[in-house]
């Protein structure tokens, strides 16, 4: 089995925005999610979801991220082939996310 470290990052939209999809014949471990509020004035909420058998389940739901702050989700999240991690922001342009991912193929 080959292990590959990956990075993923996106600006989070106000509709479900896919951060990462686990490739076929692969498993992945999300080591950490760093969700940053790049708005210097306004707070924003974030929702994090992961699919299991094509159904979305909440990892975090409408969690506040204060202005100029970062929310860290640092517990491992395991994904199987085809699983998706997606995020939704309460306000467009306020939140960005970075993920540290280990792919196992």
N, C-alpha and C. Protein backbone atom coordinates (compact mmCIF):
# COMPACT_ATOMS: atom_id res chain seq x y z
N UNK A 1 0.84 -1.18 0.00
CA UNK A 1 0.00 0.00 0.00
C UNK A 1 0.88 1.25 0.00
N UNK A 2 0.52 2.19 -0.82
CA UNK A 2 1.25 3.45 -0.91
C UNK A 2 0.54 4.52 -0.10
N UNK A 3 1.30 5.25 0.70
CA UNK A 3 0.76 6.37 1.47
C UNK A 3 1.21 7.67 0.83
N UNK A 4 0.26 8.58 0.65
CA UNK A 4 0.55 9.88 0.05
C UNK A 4 -0.10 10.97 0.87
N UNK A 5 0.69 11.97 1.24
CA UNK A 5 0.13 13.12 1.95
C UNK A 5 -0.38 14.13 0.93
N UNK A 6 -1.56 14.66 1.18
CA UNK A 6 -2.20 15.64 0.29
C UNK A 6 -2.64 16.84 1.11
N UNK A 7 -2.75 17.96 0.45
CA UNK A 7 -3.34 19.17 1.01
C UNK A 7 -4.54 19.54 0.17
N UNK A 8 -5.55 20.10 0.79
CA UNK A 8 -6.71 20.60 0.06
C UNK A 8 -7.15 21.90 0.73
N UNK A 9 -7.59 22.84 -0.07
CA UNK A 9 -8.07 24.10 0.46
C UNK A 9 -9.06 24.74 -0.48
N UNK A 10 -10.08 25.39 0.09
CA UNK A 10 -11.09 26.08 -0.72
C UNK A 10 -11.65 27.27 0.06
N UNK A 11 -12.25 28.17 -0.67
CA UNK A 11 -13.12 29.18 -0.07
C UNK A 11 -14.49 28.51 0.07
N UNK A 12 -15.10 28.62 1.22
CA UNK A 12 -16.36 27.92 1.50
C UNK A 12 -17.53 28.77 1.04
N UNK A 13 -18.40 28.18 0.24
CA UNK A 13 -19.58 28.88 -0.26
C UNK A 13 -20.78 28.73 0.66
N UNK A 14 -21.88 29.39 0.30
CA UNK A 14 -23.09 29.34 1.10
C UNK A 14 -23.98 28.15 0.74
N UNK A 15 -23.57 27.38 -0.25
CA UNK A 15 -24.19 26.08 -0.50
C UNK A 15 -23.11 25.03 -0.30
N UNK A 16 -23.49 23.79 -0.13
CA UNK A 16 -22.53 22.71 0.16
C UNK A 16 -21.39 22.74 -0.86
N UNK A 17 -20.16 22.93 -0.36
CA UNK A 17 -18.97 23.07 -1.19
C UNK A 17 -18.03 21.90 -0.90
N UNK A 18 -17.73 21.10 -1.93
CA UNK A 18 -16.88 19.93 -1.75
C UNK A 18 -15.42 20.35 -1.57
N UNK A 19 -14.82 19.88 -0.48
CA UNK A 19 -13.40 20.10 -0.22
C UNK A 19 -12.57 18.96 -0.80
N UNK A 20 -13.05 17.72 -0.64
CA UNK A 20 -12.24 16.57 -1.03
C UNK A 20 -13.15 15.37 -1.27
N UNK A 21 -12.83 14.61 -2.30
CA UNK A 21 -13.47 13.34 -2.58
C UNK A 21 -12.40 12.25 -2.59
N UNK A 22 -12.61 11.22 -1.80
CA UNK A 22 -11.64 10.14 -1.71
C UNK A 22 -11.64 9.35 -3.02
N UNK A 23 -10.48 9.19 -3.66
CA UNK A 23 -10.42 8.49 -4.95
C UNK A 23 -10.79 7.01 -4.84
N UNK A 24 -11.11 6.42 -5.99
CA UNK A 24 -11.41 4.99 -6.06
C UNK A 24 -10.22 4.18 -5.59
N UNK A 25 -10.49 3.02 -5.01
CA UNK A 25 -9.46 2.10 -4.53
C UNK A 25 -8.51 2.76 -3.53
N UNK A 26 -9.02 3.70 -2.76
CA UNK A 26 -8.21 4.47 -1.81
C UNK A 26 -9.00 4.69 -0.53
N UNK A 27 -8.28 4.79 0.56
CA UNK A 27 -8.84 5.25 1.82
C UNK A 27 -8.09 6.52 2.18
N UNK A 28 -8.72 7.37 2.97
CA UNK A 28 -8.06 8.62 3.35
C UNK A 28 -8.34 8.94 4.81
N UNK A 29 -7.39 9.60 5.42
CA UNK A 29 -7.55 10.10 6.78
C UNK A 29 -7.37 11.61 6.74
N UNK A 30 -8.40 12.32 7.13
CA UNK A 30 -8.30 13.78 7.27
C UNK A 30 -7.71 14.00 8.66
N UNK A 31 -6.48 14.50 8.71
CA UNK A 31 -5.82 14.69 10.00
C UNK A 31 -6.34 15.93 10.72
N UNK A 32 -6.61 16.99 9.97
CA UNK A 32 -7.07 18.22 10.59
C UNK A 32 -7.75 19.10 9.55
N UNK A 33 -8.72 19.88 10.02
CA UNK A 33 -9.35 20.93 9.21
C UNK A 33 -9.11 22.26 9.92
N UNK A 34 -8.59 23.22 9.18
CA UNK A 34 -8.39 24.58 9.69
C UNK A 34 -9.39 25.47 8.96
N UNK A 35 -10.37 25.97 9.67
CA UNK A 35 -11.41 26.80 9.07
C UNK A 35 -11.19 28.22 9.56
N UNK A 36 -10.80 29.10 8.64
CA UNK A 36 -10.42 30.47 9.00
C UNK A 36 -11.46 31.46 8.53
N UNK A 37 -11.79 32.40 9.41
CA UNK A 37 -12.67 33.51 9.05
C UNK A 37 -11.77 34.66 8.61
N UNK A 38 -11.78 34.96 7.32
CA UNK A 38 -10.91 35.98 6.76
C UNK A 38 -11.56 37.37 6.80
N UNK A 39 -12.79 37.44 7.30
CA UNK A 39 -13.48 38.72 7.46
C UNK A 39 -13.02 39.33 8.79
N UNK A 40 -12.52 40.53 8.75
CA UNK A 40 -11.99 41.16 9.95
C UNK A 40 -13.04 41.74 10.88
N UNK A 41 -14.32 41.68 10.50
CA UNK A 41 -15.36 42.32 11.30
C UNK A 41 -16.46 41.36 11.71
N UNK A 42 -16.93 40.54 10.78
CA UNK A 42 -18.14 39.73 11.02
C UNK A 42 -17.83 38.27 11.33
N UNK A 43 -18.56 37.71 12.28
CA UNK A 43 -18.50 36.29 12.56
C UNK A 43 -19.25 35.54 11.46
N UNK A 44 -18.95 34.25 11.29
CA UNK A 44 -19.65 33.40 10.32
C UNK A 44 -19.77 32.00 10.91
N UNK A 45 -20.77 31.27 10.47
CA UNK A 45 -20.98 29.89 10.91
C UNK A 45 -20.54 28.93 9.83
N UNK A 46 -20.07 27.75 10.25
CA UNK A 46 -19.67 26.72 9.31
C UNK A 46 -20.36 25.41 9.66
N UNK A 47 -20.70 24.66 8.60
CA UNK A 47 -21.21 23.30 8.74
C UNK A 47 -20.27 22.38 7.97
N UNK A 48 -19.87 21.28 8.61
CA UNK A 48 -18.98 20.30 7.99
C UNK A 48 -19.74 18.98 7.91
N UNK A 49 -19.72 18.35 6.71
CA UNK A 49 -20.41 17.10 6.50
C UNK A 49 -19.51 16.10 5.77
N UNK A 50 -19.72 14.81 6.07
CA UNK A 50 -19.02 13.73 5.38
C UNK A 50 -20.06 12.71 4.93
N UNK A 51 -19.85 12.16 3.73
CA UNK A 51 -20.79 11.15 3.24
C UNK A 51 -20.40 9.77 3.75
N UNK A 52 -21.43 8.98 4.00
CA UNK A 52 -21.31 7.55 4.27
C UNK A 52 -22.38 6.89 3.39
N UNK A 53 -21.93 6.06 2.46
CA UNK A 53 -22.85 5.43 1.51
C UNK A 53 -23.73 6.47 0.81
N UNK A 54 -23.12 7.56 0.37
CA UNK A 54 -23.76 8.64 -0.39
C UNK A 54 -24.72 9.51 0.42
N UNK A 55 -24.80 9.31 1.73
CA UNK A 55 -25.65 10.14 2.59
C UNK A 55 -24.77 11.06 3.41
N UNK A 56 -25.11 12.34 3.46
CA UNK A 56 -24.33 13.31 4.24
C UNK A 56 -24.68 13.24 5.71
N UNK A 57 -23.64 13.25 6.56
CA UNK A 57 -23.80 13.30 8.00
C UNK A 57 -22.98 14.45 8.55
N UNK A 58 -23.50 15.12 9.57
CA UNK A 58 -22.83 16.29 10.13
C UNK A 58 -21.67 15.89 11.04
N UNK A 59 -20.54 16.55 10.82
CA UNK A 59 -19.41 16.48 11.73
C UNK A 59 -19.48 17.69 12.65
N UNK A 60 -19.89 18.82 12.10
CA UNK A 60 -20.10 20.06 12.84
C UNK A 60 -21.26 20.80 12.16
N UNK A 61 -22.18 21.34 12.95
CA UNK A 61 -23.34 22.01 12.37
C UNK A 61 -23.46 23.43 12.92
N UNK A 62 -23.44 24.39 12.00
CA UNK A 62 -23.55 25.82 12.30
C UNK A 62 -22.70 26.24 13.50
N UNK A 63 -21.42 25.91 13.43
CA UNK A 63 -20.47 26.27 14.48
C UNK A 63 -19.93 27.67 14.18
N UNK A 64 -19.99 28.58 15.15
CA UNK A 64 -19.49 29.94 14.90
C UNK A 64 -17.96 30.00 14.77
N UNK A 65 -17.52 30.79 13.81
CA UNK A 65 -16.09 31.10 13.65
C UNK A 65 -15.99 32.62 13.77
N UNK A 66 -15.43 33.11 14.87
CA UNK A 66 -15.34 34.57 15.05
C UNK A 66 -14.49 35.24 13.97
N UNK A 67 -14.74 36.52 13.77
CA UNK A 67 -13.94 37.31 12.81
C UNK A 67 -12.47 37.19 13.15
N UNK A 68 -11.63 37.06 12.11
CA UNK A 68 -10.18 36.97 12.27
C UNK A 68 -9.73 35.81 13.17
N UNK A 69 -10.49 34.71 13.18
CA UNK A 69 -10.14 33.56 14.02
C UNK A 69 -10.15 32.29 13.17
N UNK A 70 -9.59 31.22 13.74
CA UNK A 70 -9.54 29.93 13.07
C UNK A 70 -10.13 28.86 13.98
N UNK A 71 -11.02 28.05 13.41
CA UNK A 71 -11.58 26.89 14.10
C UNK A 71 -10.77 25.68 13.67
N UNK A 72 -10.28 24.90 14.63
CA UNK A 72 -9.48 23.72 14.33
C UNK A 72 -10.25 22.47 14.71
N UNK A 73 -10.47 21.59 13.72
CA UNK A 73 -11.02 20.26 13.97
C UNK A 73 -9.86 19.30 13.78
N UNK A 74 -9.29 18.83 14.89
CA UNK A 74 -8.03 18.09 14.81
C UNK A 74 -8.15 16.62 15.18
N UNK A 75 -9.32 16.07 15.17
CA UNK A 75 -9.49 14.63 15.38
C UNK A 75 -9.58 13.97 14.01
N UNK A 76 -8.94 12.80 13.83
CA UNK A 76 -8.94 12.15 12.51
C UNK A 76 -10.35 11.80 12.03
N UNK A 77 -10.56 11.97 10.74
CA UNK A 77 -11.81 11.58 10.08
C UNK A 77 -11.43 10.63 8.95
N UNK A 78 -11.99 9.43 8.97
CA UNK A 78 -11.64 8.41 7.99
C UNK A 78 -12.64 8.41 6.84
N UNK A 79 -12.12 8.34 5.62
CA UNK A 79 -12.95 8.29 4.43
C UNK A 79 -12.65 7.03 3.64
N UNK A 80 -13.68 6.46 3.06
CA UNK A 80 -13.54 5.33 2.16
C UNK A 80 -13.66 5.84 0.73
N UNK A 81 -13.32 5.00 -0.22
CA UNK A 81 -13.39 5.38 -1.65
C UNK A 81 -14.76 5.98 -1.97
N UNK A 82 -14.74 7.14 -2.59
CA UNK A 82 -15.97 7.82 -3.01
C UNK A 82 -16.58 8.72 -1.95
N UNK A 83 -16.13 8.64 -0.70
CA UNK A 83 -16.67 9.52 0.34
C UNK A 83 -16.24 10.96 0.08
N UNK A 84 -17.09 11.88 0.52
CA UNK A 84 -16.88 13.31 0.27
C UNK A 84 -16.90 14.05 1.60
N UNK A 85 -16.03 15.05 1.73
CA UNK A 85 -16.12 16.00 2.83
C UNK A 85 -16.48 17.35 2.22
N UNK A 86 -17.54 17.96 2.75
CA UNK A 86 -18.05 19.21 2.19
C UNK A 86 -18.36 20.17 3.33
N UNK A 87 -18.31 21.47 3.02
CA UNK A 87 -18.57 22.49 4.01
C UNK A 87 -19.53 23.54 3.46
N UNK A 88 -20.23 24.20 4.37
CA UNK A 88 -21.15 25.28 4.02
C UNK A 88 -20.92 26.44 4.98
N UNK A 89 -20.87 27.65 4.44
CA UNK A 89 -20.69 28.85 5.26
C UNK A 89 -22.00 29.63 5.33
N UNK A 90 -22.18 30.37 6.42
CA UNK A 90 -23.38 31.19 6.56
C UNK A 90 -23.31 32.45 5.71
N UNK A 91 -22.09 32.87 5.36
CA UNK A 91 -21.89 34.08 4.58
C UNK A 91 -20.82 33.84 3.53
N UNK A 92 -21.10 34.23 2.30
CA UNK A 92 -20.13 34.05 1.21
C UNK A 92 -18.90 34.93 1.43
N UNK A 93 -17.74 34.37 1.11
CA UNK A 93 -16.50 35.14 1.14
C UNK A 93 -15.85 35.30 2.50
N UNK A 94 -16.44 34.75 3.56
CA UNK A 94 -15.89 34.93 4.90
C UNK A 94 -15.00 33.77 5.36
N UNK A 95 -15.27 32.55 4.90
CA UNK A 95 -14.57 31.39 5.44
C UNK A 95 -13.74 30.66 4.39
N UNK A 96 -12.56 30.21 4.81
CA UNK A 96 -11.70 29.35 4.00
C UNK A 96 -11.35 28.13 4.83
N UNK A 97 -11.06 27.01 4.16
CA UNK A 97 -10.67 25.79 4.87
C UNK A 97 -9.43 25.20 4.23
N UNK A 98 -8.56 24.66 5.09
CA UNK A 98 -7.38 23.92 4.66
C UNK A 98 -7.42 22.57 5.36
N UNK A 99 -7.11 21.51 4.62
CA UNK A 99 -7.10 20.16 5.19
C UNK A 99 -5.77 19.49 4.94
N UNK A 100 -5.35 18.71 5.92
CA UNK A 100 -4.18 17.85 5.83
C UNK A 100 -4.70 16.43 5.72
N UNK A 101 -4.35 15.73 4.61
CA UNK A 101 -4.97 14.44 4.28
C UNK A 101 -3.89 13.40 4.01
N UNK A 102 -4.11 12.19 4.50
CA UNK A 102 -3.27 11.05 4.17
C UNK A 102 -4.10 10.09 3.33
N UNK A 103 -3.64 9.84 2.09
CA UNK A 103 -4.29 8.86 1.22
C UNK A 103 -3.55 7.53 1.32
N UNK A 104 -4.31 6.45 1.41
CA UNK A 104 -3.75 5.11 1.49
C UNK A 104 -4.32 4.31 0.34
N UNK A 105 -3.46 3.94 -0.61
CA UNK A 105 -3.92 3.22 -1.81
C UNK A 105 -3.26 1.86 -1.90
